Amino acid sequence: MNPLDRVHGGWVHRRRVARLADALLPLLPDKGIVLDVGSGDGALGYELASRNKRLDVRGLDVMVRGTTLIPVIPFDGRRIPFNDDSVAAVLMVDVLHHADDPKRLLADAVRAARSIVIKDHLRQGLGAAPTLRFMDWVGNARHGVSSPGRYWSPGEWEKVFAELHLQPLVRETRLKLYPWPASWIFGRGLHFAVRLERASPEDVA
C-alpha cells in the first residue's frame, strides 16, 4: 500500500464516513430496511445503523469485498434484487456516476423504495471534472473500481429527477467532508445530498 492509500484509507476515510453519517442520517427514514447500494466495506452502513438501531442497513455491491461491516448482497449494477416497494429507502453514495446506466439504476431504486437518498457529485465550476476524476481515482483505484467520469451538472440531475417523477424534499450542499485547506480544492460545491420521493399522481398530472 502506497503512502497516499494509507492516508486516504486511514484518517481520510474514517473522517469521511463520520461526516457522511452526520449529513445522511437526517435524510433517511426513522426505521426500516435501508439498502446501501455500492456499500463497499460497509463502514457507512455500519455507522448509520449504530446511530439508529431501528434501521436495518443492508449492502448491495457489484464487487463484494472479502470483509464487510454489514451484510452485502451481490447484484448486477442494474436491477436491485428486492420486490417493489419492499424497503424503506435506497441509499446511493457516490454510486450513480460509476454505473453503466445511471438513470436505469435510479429508476429501479424508485421501484424498490419510495424514498431515495443520494449523495453524489456536481459538475460545476472551473476544473470540476478533473478534480472529481482525481478524487475518484484516489478513493477507488486500489479496490479495482472503474471511474468512467459520468459527472452530471446540476441541470442534468434535475432533468433526470423530473423524468423519473421524483420530488427533492431535502437538499444539502454543505457536507463538510474535508478539512481546510483540502475543502477549498475538493469541496467548493462539488458535492450534494438529497432525499427524494416519488411524486403523487396528482403532482405528476
N, C-alpha and C. Protein backbone atom coordinates (compact mmCIF):
# COMPACT_ATOMS: atom_id res chain seq x y z
N MET A 1 0.85 -1.20 0.00
CA MET A 1 0.00 0.00 0.00
C MET A 1 0.88 1.24 0.00
N ASN A 2 0.65 2.14 -0.95
CA ASN A 2 1.48 3.34 -1.02
C ASN A 2 1.05 4.37 0.02
N PRO A 3 1.88 5.41 0.27
CA PRO A 3 1.54 6.39 1.31
C PRO A 3 0.20 7.07 1.11
N LEU A 4 -0.16 7.37 -0.15
CA LEU A 4 -1.46 8.01 -0.42
C LEU A 4 -2.61 7.11 0.01
N ASP A 5 -2.49 5.81 -0.29
CA ASP A 5 -3.52 4.86 0.12
C ASP A 5 -3.63 4.78 1.63
N ARG A 6 -2.48 4.80 2.32
CA ARG A 6 -2.51 4.71 3.78
C ARG A 6 -3.20 5.91 4.39
N VAL A 7 -2.91 7.10 3.86
CA VAL A 7 -3.53 8.30 4.40
C VAL A 7 -5.03 8.29 4.12
N HIS A 8 -5.41 7.99 2.85
CA HIS A 8 -6.83 8.00 2.50
C HIS A 8 -7.59 6.88 3.19
N GLY A 9 -7.03 5.68 3.22
CA GLY A 9 -7.71 4.55 3.82
C GLY A 9 -7.83 4.65 5.33
N GLY A 10 -6.95 5.45 5.93
CA GLY A 10 -6.99 5.61 7.38
C GLY A 10 -7.78 6.84 7.80
N TRP A 11 -7.06 7.95 7.95
CA TRP A 11 -7.66 9.15 8.51
C TRP A 11 -8.76 9.72 7.61
N VAL A 12 -8.51 9.85 6.32
CA VAL A 12 -9.48 10.48 5.42
C VAL A 12 -10.78 9.66 5.37
N HIS A 13 -10.67 8.35 5.20
CA HIS A 13 -11.86 7.51 5.08
C HIS A 13 -12.70 7.54 6.35
N ARG A 14 -12.04 7.42 7.51
CA ARG A 14 -12.79 7.43 8.77
C ARG A 14 -13.52 8.76 8.98
N ARG A 15 -12.83 9.85 8.67
CA ARG A 15 -13.46 11.16 8.82
C ARG A 15 -14.63 11.31 7.85
N ARG A 16 -14.45 10.84 6.63
CA ARG A 16 -15.49 10.95 5.62
C ARG A 16 -16.73 10.17 6.03
N VAL A 17 -16.55 8.96 6.56
CA VAL A 17 -17.68 8.15 7.00
C VAL A 17 -18.47 8.89 8.08
N ALA A 18 -17.77 9.47 9.05
CA ALA A 18 -18.45 10.18 10.13
C ALA A 18 -19.20 11.39 9.60
N ARG A 19 -18.58 12.15 8.70
CA ARG A 19 -19.24 13.33 8.14
C ARG A 19 -20.44 12.95 7.28
N LEU A 20 -20.31 11.89 6.50
CA LEU A 20 -21.44 11.44 5.69
C LEU A 20 -22.60 10.99 6.58
N ALA A 21 -22.29 10.28 7.65
CA ALA A 21 -23.35 9.84 8.56
C ALA A 21 -24.06 11.05 9.16
N ASP A 22 -23.30 12.08 9.52
CA ASP A 22 -23.91 13.31 10.05
C ASP A 22 -24.92 13.89 9.06
N ALA A 23 -24.53 13.90 7.77
CA ALA A 23 -25.37 14.53 6.75
C ALA A 23 -26.53 13.66 6.32
N LEU A 24 -26.33 12.34 6.27
CA LEU A 24 -27.31 11.46 5.66
C LEU A 24 -28.35 10.92 6.64
N LEU A 25 -27.98 10.76 7.89
CA LEU A 25 -28.94 10.19 8.84
C LEU A 25 -30.23 10.99 8.93
N PRO A 26 -30.18 12.33 8.95
CA PRO A 26 -31.45 13.09 8.99
C PRO A 26 -32.29 12.93 7.72
N LEU A 27 -31.69 12.49 6.61
CA LEU A 27 -32.43 12.33 5.36
C LEU A 27 -33.11 10.96 5.25
N LEU A 28 -32.67 10.01 6.07
CA LEU A 28 -33.20 8.65 5.99
C LEU A 28 -34.47 8.51 6.80
N PRO A 29 -35.31 7.50 6.48
CA PRO A 29 -36.47 7.22 7.32
C PRO A 29 -36.03 6.88 8.74
N ASP A 30 -36.96 6.96 9.67
CA ASP A 30 -36.63 6.71 11.07
C ASP A 30 -36.42 5.23 11.36
N LYS A 31 -37.01 4.36 10.52
CA LYS A 31 -36.87 2.93 10.77
C LYS A 31 -37.09 2.17 9.46
N GLY A 32 -36.74 0.88 9.47
CA GLY A 32 -36.98 0.03 8.31
C GLY A 32 -35.71 -0.38 7.61
N ILE A 33 -35.88 -1.11 6.51
CA ILE A 33 -34.76 -1.60 5.73
C ILE A 33 -34.22 -0.48 4.83
N VAL A 34 -32.92 -0.26 4.90
CA VAL A 34 -32.22 0.69 4.03
C VAL A 34 -31.21 -0.10 3.21
N LEU A 35 -31.31 -0.01 1.90
CA LEU A 35 -30.34 -0.66 1.02
C LEU A 35 -29.25 0.34 0.66
N ASP A 36 -28.04 0.05 1.08
CA ASP A 36 -26.88 0.88 0.77
C ASP A 36 -26.25 0.34 -0.51
N VAL A 37 -26.60 0.95 -1.64
CA VAL A 37 -26.14 0.47 -2.95
C VAL A 37 -24.71 0.97 -3.19
N GLY A 38 -23.82 0.03 -3.53
CA GLY A 38 -22.41 0.38 -3.66
C GLY A 38 -21.77 0.58 -2.30
N SER A 39 -22.05 -0.35 -1.39
CA SER A 39 -21.70 -0.18 0.03
C SER A 39 -20.23 -0.35 0.34
N GLY A 40 -19.44 -0.92 -0.58
CA GLY A 40 -18.01 -1.05 -0.33
C GLY A 40 -17.72 -1.87 0.90
N ASP A 41 -16.94 -1.32 1.82
CA ASP A 41 -16.58 -2.06 3.03
C ASP A 41 -17.68 -2.07 4.08
N GLY A 42 -18.77 -1.33 3.82
CA GLY A 42 -19.90 -1.32 4.75
C GLY A 42 -19.73 -0.37 5.92
N ALA A 43 -18.65 0.43 5.92
CA ALA A 43 -18.38 1.29 7.07
C ALA A 43 -19.48 2.33 7.27
N LEU A 44 -19.97 2.93 6.18
CA LEU A 44 -21.02 3.93 6.32
C LEU A 44 -22.31 3.29 6.80
N GLY A 45 -22.70 2.17 6.19
CA GLY A 45 -23.91 1.49 6.63
C GLY A 45 -23.85 1.09 8.09
N TYR A 46 -22.69 0.62 8.52
CA TYR A 46 -22.50 0.23 9.93
C TYR A 46 -22.65 1.45 10.84
N GLU A 47 -22.07 2.57 10.42
CA GLU A 47 -22.16 3.79 11.23
C GLU A 47 -23.60 4.27 11.34
N LEU A 48 -24.33 4.23 10.23
CA LEU A 48 -25.73 4.66 10.26
C LEU A 48 -26.57 3.76 11.17
N ALA A 49 -26.38 2.44 11.04
CA ALA A 49 -27.14 1.51 11.87
C ALA A 49 -26.77 1.63 13.34
N SER A 50 -25.51 1.96 13.62
CA SER A 50 -25.08 2.13 15.01
C SER A 50 -25.73 3.35 15.64
N ARG A 51 -25.94 4.37 14.84
CA ARG A 51 -26.54 5.60 15.36
C ARG A 51 -28.05 5.50 15.49
N ASN A 52 -28.69 4.67 14.66
CA ASN A 52 -30.14 4.47 14.74
C ASN A 52 -30.41 2.97 14.69
N LYS A 53 -30.66 2.39 15.84
CA LYS A 53 -30.83 0.93 15.94
C LYS A 53 -32.09 0.44 15.23
N ARG A 54 -32.99 1.34 14.85
CA ARG A 54 -34.22 0.92 14.16
C ARG A 54 -34.01 0.78 12.65
N LEU A 55 -32.84 1.13 12.18
CA LEU A 55 -32.53 0.95 10.77
C LEU A 55 -31.86 -0.40 10.55
N ASP A 56 -32.34 -1.13 9.56
CA ASP A 56 -31.74 -2.39 9.14
C ASP A 56 -31.00 -2.11 7.83
N VAL A 57 -29.72 -1.79 7.93
CA VAL A 57 -28.95 -1.37 6.76
C VAL A 57 -28.27 -2.59 6.13
N ARG A 58 -28.57 -2.81 4.86
CA ARG A 58 -28.00 -3.92 4.11
C ARG A 58 -27.30 -3.39 2.87
N GLY A 59 -26.18 -3.99 2.54
CA GLY A 59 -25.40 -3.52 1.41
C GLY A 59 -25.72 -4.25 0.12
N LEU A 60 -25.53 -3.56 -1.00
CA LEU A 60 -25.56 -4.15 -2.34
C LEU A 60 -24.31 -3.67 -3.05
N ASP A 61 -23.64 -4.57 -3.77
CA ASP A 61 -22.45 -4.14 -4.49
C ASP A 61 -22.17 -5.09 -5.65
N VAL A 62 -21.61 -4.56 -6.70
CA VAL A 62 -21.23 -5.40 -7.84
C VAL A 62 -19.92 -6.13 -7.57
N MET A 63 -19.14 -5.62 -6.61
CA MET A 63 -17.88 -6.25 -6.22
C MET A 63 -17.87 -6.39 -4.70
N VAL A 64 -18.32 -7.53 -4.19
CA VAL A 64 -18.39 -7.73 -2.75
C VAL A 64 -17.00 -8.03 -2.21
N ARG A 65 -16.57 -7.24 -1.25
CA ARG A 65 -15.23 -7.41 -0.68
C ARG A 65 -15.19 -8.59 0.27
N GLY A 66 -13.99 -9.06 0.54
CA GLY A 66 -13.83 -10.23 1.39
C GLY A 66 -14.31 -10.01 2.81
N THR A 67 -14.17 -8.79 3.32
CA THR A 67 -14.59 -8.44 4.68
C THR A 67 -15.43 -7.17 4.61
N THR A 68 -16.64 -7.22 5.17
CA THR A 68 -17.52 -6.06 5.21
C THR A 68 -18.13 -5.93 6.60
N LEU A 69 -18.49 -4.72 6.95
CA LEU A 69 -19.03 -4.45 8.28
C LEU A 69 -20.54 -4.65 8.37
N ILE A 70 -21.20 -4.78 7.23
CA ILE A 70 -22.62 -5.11 7.18
C ILE A 70 -22.81 -6.21 6.14
N PRO A 71 -23.93 -6.94 6.18
CA PRO A 71 -24.18 -7.94 5.14
C PRO A 71 -24.29 -7.26 3.77
N VAL A 72 -23.59 -7.80 2.77
CA VAL A 72 -23.60 -7.23 1.43
C VAL A 72 -24.03 -8.29 0.42
N ILE A 73 -25.03 -7.95 -0.38
CA ILE A 73 -25.58 -8.85 -1.38
C ILE A 73 -25.00 -8.47 -2.74
N PRO A 74 -24.50 -9.42 -3.51
CA PRO A 74 -24.03 -9.09 -4.86
C PRO A 74 -25.20 -8.79 -5.79
N PHE A 75 -25.00 -7.82 -6.71
CA PHE A 75 -26.03 -7.56 -7.72
C PHE A 75 -25.34 -7.10 -8.99
N ASP A 76 -26.11 -6.98 -10.07
CA ASP A 76 -25.52 -6.74 -11.39
C ASP A 76 -25.31 -5.27 -11.73
N GLY A 77 -25.60 -4.38 -10.80
CA GLY A 77 -25.43 -2.96 -11.05
C GLY A 77 -26.57 -2.31 -11.81
N ARG A 78 -27.60 -3.08 -12.11
CA ARG A 78 -28.74 -2.56 -12.87
C ARG A 78 -30.06 -2.76 -12.15
N ARG A 79 -30.32 -4.01 -11.72
CA ARG A 79 -31.59 -4.31 -11.06
C ARG A 79 -31.36 -4.66 -9.60
N ILE A 80 -32.07 -3.96 -8.74
CA ILE A 80 -31.97 -4.20 -7.31
C ILE A 80 -32.79 -5.44 -6.96
N PRO A 81 -32.18 -6.44 -6.34
CA PRO A 81 -32.85 -7.72 -6.12
C PRO A 81 -33.83 -7.72 -4.94
N PHE A 82 -34.76 -6.78 -4.96
CA PHE A 82 -35.82 -6.69 -3.95
C PHE A 82 -37.12 -6.38 -4.67
N ASN A 83 -38.23 -6.79 -4.07
CA ASN A 83 -39.54 -6.58 -4.66
C ASN A 83 -39.93 -5.09 -4.65
N ASP A 84 -40.96 -4.77 -5.42
CA ASP A 84 -41.47 -3.40 -5.48
C ASP A 84 -41.88 -2.93 -4.09
N ASP A 85 -41.50 -1.69 -3.77
CA ASP A 85 -41.92 -1.05 -2.51
C ASP A 85 -41.65 -1.92 -1.29
N SER A 86 -40.56 -2.65 -1.30
CA SER A 86 -40.28 -3.60 -0.21
C SER A 86 -39.30 -3.07 0.83
N VAL A 87 -38.70 -1.90 0.57
CA VAL A 87 -37.73 -1.36 1.53
C VAL A 87 -38.08 0.09 1.85
N ALA A 88 -37.62 0.54 3.00
CA ALA A 88 -37.93 1.90 3.42
C ALA A 88 -37.19 2.94 2.56
N ALA A 89 -35.94 2.63 2.22
CA ALA A 89 -35.16 3.60 1.45
C ALA A 89 -34.03 2.91 0.72
N VAL A 90 -33.64 3.50 -0.39
CA VAL A 90 -32.42 3.12 -1.09
C VAL A 90 -31.44 4.28 -0.95
N LEU A 91 -30.23 3.95 -0.51
CA LEU A 91 -29.17 4.93 -0.31
C LEU A 91 -28.10 4.72 -1.36
N MET A 92 -27.72 5.78 -2.05
CA MET A 92 -26.68 5.70 -3.08
C MET A 92 -25.65 6.80 -2.82
N VAL A 93 -24.50 6.41 -2.35
CA VAL A 93 -23.45 7.38 -2.02
C VAL A 93 -22.32 7.26 -3.04
N ASP A 94 -22.19 8.27 -3.88
CA ASP A 94 -21.15 8.30 -4.92
C ASP A 94 -21.17 7.02 -5.76
N VAL A 95 -22.37 6.64 -6.18
CA VAL A 95 -22.57 5.39 -6.92
C VAL A 95 -22.98 5.64 -8.36
N LEU A 96 -23.90 6.57 -8.57
CA LEU A 96 -24.52 6.69 -9.89
C LEU A 96 -23.51 7.10 -10.96
N HIS A 97 -22.49 7.86 -10.62
CA HIS A 97 -21.52 8.25 -11.64
C HIS A 97 -20.58 7.09 -12.02
N HIS A 98 -20.67 5.98 -11.29
CA HIS A 98 -19.93 4.77 -11.66
C HIS A 98 -20.77 3.80 -12.48
N ALA A 99 -22.09 3.96 -12.46
CA ALA A 99 -22.99 2.98 -13.07
C ALA A 99 -22.91 3.02 -14.59
N ASP A 100 -23.07 1.84 -15.22
CA ASP A 100 -23.11 1.77 -16.67
C ASP A 100 -24.30 2.56 -17.23
N ASP A 101 -25.43 2.47 -16.53
CA ASP A 101 -26.65 3.19 -16.94
C ASP A 101 -27.26 3.82 -15.69
N PRO A 102 -26.76 5.00 -15.29
CA PRO A 102 -27.20 5.58 -14.01
C PRO A 102 -28.69 5.84 -13.93
N LYS A 103 -29.30 6.29 -15.03
CA LYS A 103 -30.74 6.56 -14.98
C LYS A 103 -31.52 5.27 -14.77
N ARG A 104 -31.11 4.20 -15.41
CA ARG A 104 -31.80 2.92 -15.25
C ARG A 104 -31.67 2.41 -13.81
N LEU A 105 -30.48 2.54 -13.23
CA LEU A 105 -30.30 2.10 -11.84
C LEU A 105 -31.15 2.94 -10.90
N LEU A 106 -31.18 4.24 -11.11
CA LEU A 106 -32.01 5.10 -10.25
C LEU A 106 -33.48 4.76 -10.41
N ALA A 107 -33.92 4.49 -11.62
CA ALA A 107 -35.32 4.12 -11.85
C ALA A 107 -35.66 2.84 -11.10
N ASP A 108 -34.73 1.90 -11.05
CA ASP A 108 -35.01 0.65 -10.34
C ASP A 108 -35.02 0.87 -8.83
N ALA A 109 -34.22 1.81 -8.35
CA ALA A 109 -34.29 2.17 -6.94
C ALA A 109 -35.66 2.74 -6.60
N VAL A 110 -36.21 3.54 -7.51
CA VAL A 110 -37.54 4.10 -7.32
C VAL A 110 -38.59 2.99 -7.26
N ARG A 111 -38.38 1.94 -8.03
CA ARG A 111 -39.30 0.79 -7.99
C ARG A 111 -39.27 0.10 -6.62
N ALA A 112 -38.08 -0.05 -6.05
CA ALA A 112 -37.92 -0.83 -4.82
C ALA A 112 -38.29 -0.05 -3.56
N ALA A 113 -38.18 1.27 -3.62
CA ALA A 113 -38.42 2.07 -2.41
C ALA A 113 -39.02 3.41 -2.79
N ARG A 114 -39.92 3.91 -1.97
CA ARG A 114 -40.49 5.22 -2.26
C ARG A 114 -39.49 6.34 -1.96
N SER A 115 -38.64 6.12 -0.98
CA SER A 115 -37.69 7.14 -0.56
C SER A 115 -36.29 6.80 -1.08
N ILE A 116 -35.65 7.77 -1.72
CA ILE A 116 -34.30 7.60 -2.26
C ILE A 116 -33.41 8.68 -1.66
N VAL A 117 -32.26 8.29 -1.15
CA VAL A 117 -31.29 9.25 -0.63
C VAL A 117 -30.02 9.12 -1.45
N ILE A 118 -29.59 10.24 -2.02
CA ILE A 118 -28.42 10.25 -2.90
C ILE A 118 -27.39 11.23 -2.36
N LYS A 119 -26.14 10.79 -2.33
CA LYS A 119 -25.01 11.71 -2.20
C LYS A 119 -24.16 11.50 -3.43
N ASP A 120 -23.89 12.57 -4.16
CA ASP A 120 -23.11 12.42 -5.37
C ASP A 120 -22.42 13.74 -5.70
N HIS A 121 -21.89 13.84 -6.92
CA HIS A 121 -21.09 14.97 -7.34
C HIS A 121 -21.88 15.91 -8.25
N LEU A 122 -21.41 17.14 -8.31
CA LEU A 122 -21.94 18.14 -9.22
C LEU A 122 -20.80 18.62 -10.12
N ARG A 123 -21.00 18.49 -11.41
CA ARG A 123 -20.01 19.01 -12.36
C ARG A 123 -20.31 20.48 -12.60
N GLN A 124 -19.71 21.31 -11.78
CA GLN A 124 -19.93 22.75 -11.91
C GLN A 124 -18.68 23.48 -11.42
N GLY A 125 -18.36 24.57 -12.09
CA GLY A 125 -17.22 25.37 -11.70
C GLY A 125 -15.95 24.99 -12.45
N LEU A 126 -14.97 25.85 -12.35
CA LEU A 126 -13.70 25.68 -13.06
C LEU A 126 -12.97 24.42 -12.59
N GLY A 127 -12.60 23.58 -13.55
CA GLY A 127 -11.83 22.38 -13.23
C GLY A 127 -12.58 21.31 -12.48
N ALA A 128 -13.91 21.34 -12.52
CA ALA A 128 -14.70 20.37 -11.74
C ALA A 128 -14.44 18.94 -12.18
N ALA A 129 -14.50 18.67 -13.47
CA ALA A 129 -14.38 17.28 -13.95
C ALA A 129 -13.02 16.66 -13.60
N PRO A 130 -11.88 17.32 -13.86
CA PRO A 130 -10.61 16.70 -13.48
C PRO A 130 -10.44 16.54 -11.98
N THR A 131 -10.98 17.47 -11.21
CA THR A 131 -10.91 17.33 -9.75
C THR A 131 -11.68 16.11 -9.29
N LEU A 132 -12.88 15.91 -9.84
CA LEU A 132 -13.70 14.76 -9.47
C LEU A 132 -13.05 13.46 -9.92
N ARG A 133 -12.44 13.46 -11.10
CA ARG A 133 -11.75 12.25 -11.56
C ARG A 133 -10.60 11.88 -10.64
N PHE A 134 -9.86 12.88 -10.17
CA PHE A 134 -8.76 12.62 -9.25
C PHE A 134 -9.27 12.04 -7.94
N MET A 135 -10.35 12.62 -7.39
CA MET A 135 -10.92 12.10 -6.15
C MET A 135 -11.37 10.66 -6.32
N ASP A 136 -12.00 10.37 -7.45
CA ASP A 136 -12.45 9.00 -7.71
C ASP A 136 -11.27 8.04 -7.79
N TRP A 137 -10.21 8.47 -8.45
CA TRP A 137 -9.04 7.61 -8.59
C TRP A 137 -8.43 7.31 -7.22
N VAL A 138 -8.30 8.31 -6.37
CA VAL A 138 -7.72 8.11 -5.05
C VAL A 138 -8.58 7.16 -4.22
N GLY A 139 -9.89 7.33 -4.28
CA GLY A 139 -10.77 6.54 -3.44
C GLY A 139 -11.07 5.15 -3.95
N ASN A 140 -10.93 4.92 -5.26
CA ASN A 140 -11.44 3.67 -5.83
C ASN A 140 -10.43 2.81 -6.57
N ALA A 141 -9.34 3.39 -7.04
CA ALA A 141 -8.41 2.63 -7.89
C ALA A 141 -7.86 1.40 -7.17
N ARG A 142 -7.53 1.54 -5.90
CA ARG A 142 -6.93 0.40 -5.19
C ARG A 142 -7.91 -0.74 -4.98
N HIS A 143 -9.21 -0.47 -5.14
CA HIS A 143 -10.24 -1.51 -5.00
C HIS A 143 -10.67 -2.07 -6.35
N GLY A 144 -10.06 -1.59 -7.42
CA GLY A 144 -10.41 -2.08 -8.75
C GLY A 144 -11.72 -1.56 -9.29
N VAL A 145 -12.21 -0.45 -8.71
CA VAL A 145 -13.49 0.12 -9.15
C VAL A 145 -13.22 1.09 -10.31
N SER A 146 -13.91 0.88 -11.42
CA SER A 146 -13.73 1.77 -12.57
C SER A 146 -14.38 3.12 -12.29
N SER A 147 -13.81 4.16 -12.86
CA SER A 147 -14.33 5.51 -12.70
C SER A 147 -14.50 6.14 -14.08
N PRO A 148 -15.65 5.90 -14.72
CA PRO A 148 -15.86 6.40 -16.07
C PRO A 148 -16.05 7.91 -16.16
N GLY A 149 -16.23 8.57 -15.04
CA GLY A 149 -16.33 10.03 -15.05
C GLY A 149 -17.63 10.58 -15.56
N ARG A 150 -18.74 9.90 -15.29
CA ARG A 150 -20.05 10.39 -15.73
C ARG A 150 -20.62 11.35 -14.67
N TYR A 151 -20.05 12.53 -14.61
CA TYR A 151 -20.48 13.50 -13.61
C TYR A 151 -21.52 14.43 -14.23
N TRP A 152 -22.67 14.54 -13.59
CA TRP A 152 -23.76 15.35 -14.11
C TRP A 152 -23.70 16.77 -13.56
N SER A 153 -24.10 17.70 -14.39
CA SER A 153 -24.26 19.09 -13.96
C SER A 153 -25.55 19.18 -13.12
N PRO A 154 -25.73 20.27 -12.37
CA PRO A 154 -27.00 20.45 -11.64
C PRO A 154 -28.22 20.31 -12.55
N GLY A 155 -28.15 20.88 -13.75
CA GLY A 155 -29.28 20.79 -14.66
C GLY A 155 -29.57 19.36 -15.11
N GLU A 156 -28.53 18.58 -15.31
CA GLU A 156 -28.72 17.18 -15.71
C GLU A 156 -29.35 16.36 -14.59
N TRP A 157 -28.94 16.62 -13.36
CA TRP A 157 -29.59 15.93 -12.23
C TRP A 157 -31.07 16.28 -12.18
N GLU A 158 -31.39 17.55 -12.29
CA GLU A 158 -32.79 17.97 -12.21
C GLU A 158 -33.62 17.37 -13.33
N LYS A 159 -33.04 17.25 -14.51
CA LYS A 159 -33.75 16.67 -15.64
C LYS A 159 -34.10 15.21 -15.37
N VAL A 160 -33.14 14.44 -14.84
CA VAL A 160 -33.39 13.03 -14.54
C VAL A 160 -34.43 12.91 -13.43
N PHE A 161 -34.33 13.73 -12.39
CA PHE A 161 -35.33 13.67 -11.32
C PHE A 161 -36.73 13.92 -11.88
N ALA A 162 -36.87 14.89 -12.76
CA ALA A 162 -38.17 15.21 -13.34
C ALA A 162 -38.67 14.06 -14.21
N GLU A 163 -37.79 13.46 -15.00
CA GLU A 163 -38.19 12.36 -15.88
C GLU A 163 -38.66 11.14 -15.09
N LEU A 164 -38.10 10.95 -13.90
CA LEU A 164 -38.49 9.81 -13.06
C LEU A 164 -39.57 10.18 -12.05
N HIS A 165 -40.11 11.39 -12.17
CA HIS A 165 -41.18 11.88 -11.27
C HIS A 165 -40.74 11.83 -9.82
N LEU A 166 -39.54 12.31 -9.55
CA LEU A 166 -39.01 12.35 -8.21
C LEU A 166 -39.05 13.78 -7.68
N GLN A 167 -39.51 13.91 -6.44
CA GLN A 167 -39.57 15.21 -5.79
C GLN A 167 -38.42 15.34 -4.80
N PRO A 168 -37.51 16.29 -4.99
CA PRO A 168 -36.49 16.53 -3.96
C PRO A 168 -37.14 17.18 -2.74
N LEU A 169 -37.02 16.51 -1.59
CA LEU A 169 -37.64 17.02 -0.37
C LEU A 169 -36.65 17.80 0.48
N VAL A 170 -35.46 17.25 0.64
CA VAL A 170 -34.42 17.90 1.45
C VAL A 170 -33.12 17.84 0.66
N ARG A 171 -32.45 18.97 0.56
CA ARG A 171 -31.20 19.02 -0.20
C ARG A 171 -30.13 19.66 0.67
N GLU A 172 -28.92 19.11 0.61
CA GLU A 172 -27.81 19.63 1.40
C GLU A 172 -26.57 19.71 0.52
N THR A 173 -25.93 20.88 0.51
CA THR A 173 -24.71 21.05 -0.29
C THR A 173 -23.49 21.38 0.56
N ARG A 174 -23.68 21.66 1.83
CA ARG A 174 -22.57 21.97 2.72
C ARG A 174 -22.27 20.74 3.59
N LEU A 175 -21.61 19.77 2.98
CA LEU A 175 -21.40 18.49 3.65
C LEU A 175 -20.16 18.46 4.53
N LYS A 176 -19.24 19.38 4.32
CA LYS A 176 -18.04 19.49 5.17
C LYS A 176 -17.28 18.17 5.25
N LEU A 177 -17.04 17.58 4.09
CA LEU A 177 -16.36 16.29 4.05
C LEU A 177 -14.85 16.41 4.27
N TYR A 178 -14.30 17.58 3.99
CA TYR A 178 -12.85 17.74 4.03
C TYR A 178 -12.48 18.91 4.94
N PRO A 179 -11.38 18.77 5.68
CA PRO A 179 -10.90 19.89 6.47
C PRO A 179 -10.21 20.92 5.57
N TRP A 180 -10.11 22.16 6.05
CA TRP A 180 -9.36 23.17 5.32
C TRP A 180 -7.86 22.84 5.41
N PRO A 181 -7.07 23.00 4.32
CA PRO A 181 -7.38 23.63 3.04
C PRO A 181 -7.91 22.66 1.98
N ALA A 182 -8.00 21.34 2.31
CA ALA A 182 -8.48 20.38 1.31
C ALA A 182 -9.89 20.73 0.86
N SER A 183 -10.69 21.31 1.75
CA SER A 183 -12.07 21.66 1.40
C SER A 183 -12.10 22.70 0.27
N TRP A 184 -11.09 23.56 0.21
CA TRP A 184 -11.05 24.59 -0.83
C TRP A 184 -10.87 23.96 -2.21
N ILE A 185 -10.17 22.82 -2.26
CA ILE A 185 -9.92 22.14 -3.53
C ILE A 185 -11.01 21.13 -3.85
N PHE A 186 -11.34 20.29 -2.85
CA PHE A 186 -12.21 19.14 -3.10
C PHE A 186 -13.65 19.34 -2.65
N GLY A 187 -13.93 20.43 -2.02
CA GLY A 187 -15.31 20.75 -1.63
C GLY A 187 -15.94 21.66 -2.67
N ARG A 188 -15.89 22.93 -2.44
CA ARG A 188 -16.28 24.03 -3.35
C ARG A 188 -17.47 23.72 -4.26
N GLY A 189 -18.55 23.20 -3.69
CA GLY A 189 -19.77 23.00 -4.46
C GLY A 189 -19.77 21.78 -5.35
N LEU A 190 -18.87 20.83 -5.13
CA LEU A 190 -18.79 19.63 -5.97
C LEU A 190 -19.62 18.48 -5.43
N HIS A 191 -20.22 18.63 -4.27
CA HIS A 191 -20.94 17.54 -3.62
C HIS A 191 -22.34 18.00 -3.21
N PHE A 192 -23.27 17.05 -3.19
CA PHE A 192 -24.60 17.34 -2.67
C PHE A 192 -25.21 16.06 -2.12
N ALA A 193 -26.19 16.23 -1.26
CA ALA A 193 -27.00 15.12 -0.78
C ALA A 193 -28.46 15.54 -0.88
N VAL A 194 -29.32 14.58 -1.20
CA VAL A 194 -30.73 14.91 -1.38
C VAL A 194 -31.58 13.70 -1.02
N ARG A 195 -32.74 13.98 -0.44
CA ARG A 195 -33.76 12.95 -0.25
C ARG A 195 -34.87 13.19 -1.25
N LEU A 196 -35.24 12.14 -1.98
CA LEU A 196 -36.28 12.24 -3.00
C LEU A 196 -37.37 11.21 -2.72
N GLU A 197 -38.58 11.55 -3.10
CA GLU A 197 -39.68 10.61 -3.03
C GLU A 197 -40.48 10.67 -4.33
N ARG A 198 -41.13 9.58 -4.66
CA ARG A 198 -41.96 9.55 -5.85
C ARG A 198 -43.10 10.54 -5.71
N ALA A 199 -43.33 11.28 -6.77
CA ALA A 199 -44.41 12.25 -6.76
C ALA A 199 -45.74 11.51 -6.72
N SER A 200 -46.74 12.09 -6.08
CA SER A 200 -48.08 11.53 -6.07
C SER A 200 -48.69 11.71 -7.46
N PRO A 201 -49.72 10.91 -7.83
CA PRO A 201 -50.34 11.02 -9.15
C PRO A 201 -50.83 12.41 -9.48
N GLU A 202 -51.38 13.12 -8.48
CA GLU A 202 -51.89 14.46 -8.75
C GLU A 202 -50.75 15.45 -9.04
N ASP A 203 -49.56 15.19 -8.45
CA ASP A 203 -48.42 16.07 -8.72
C ASP A 203 -47.88 15.84 -10.12
N VAL A 204 -47.97 14.60 -10.61
CA VAL A 204 -47.46 14.26 -11.92
C VAL A 204 -48.39 14.76 -13.02
N ALA A 205 -49.69 14.71 -12.75
CA ALA A 205 -50.69 15.08 -13.77
C ALA A 205 -50.56 16.54 -14.19
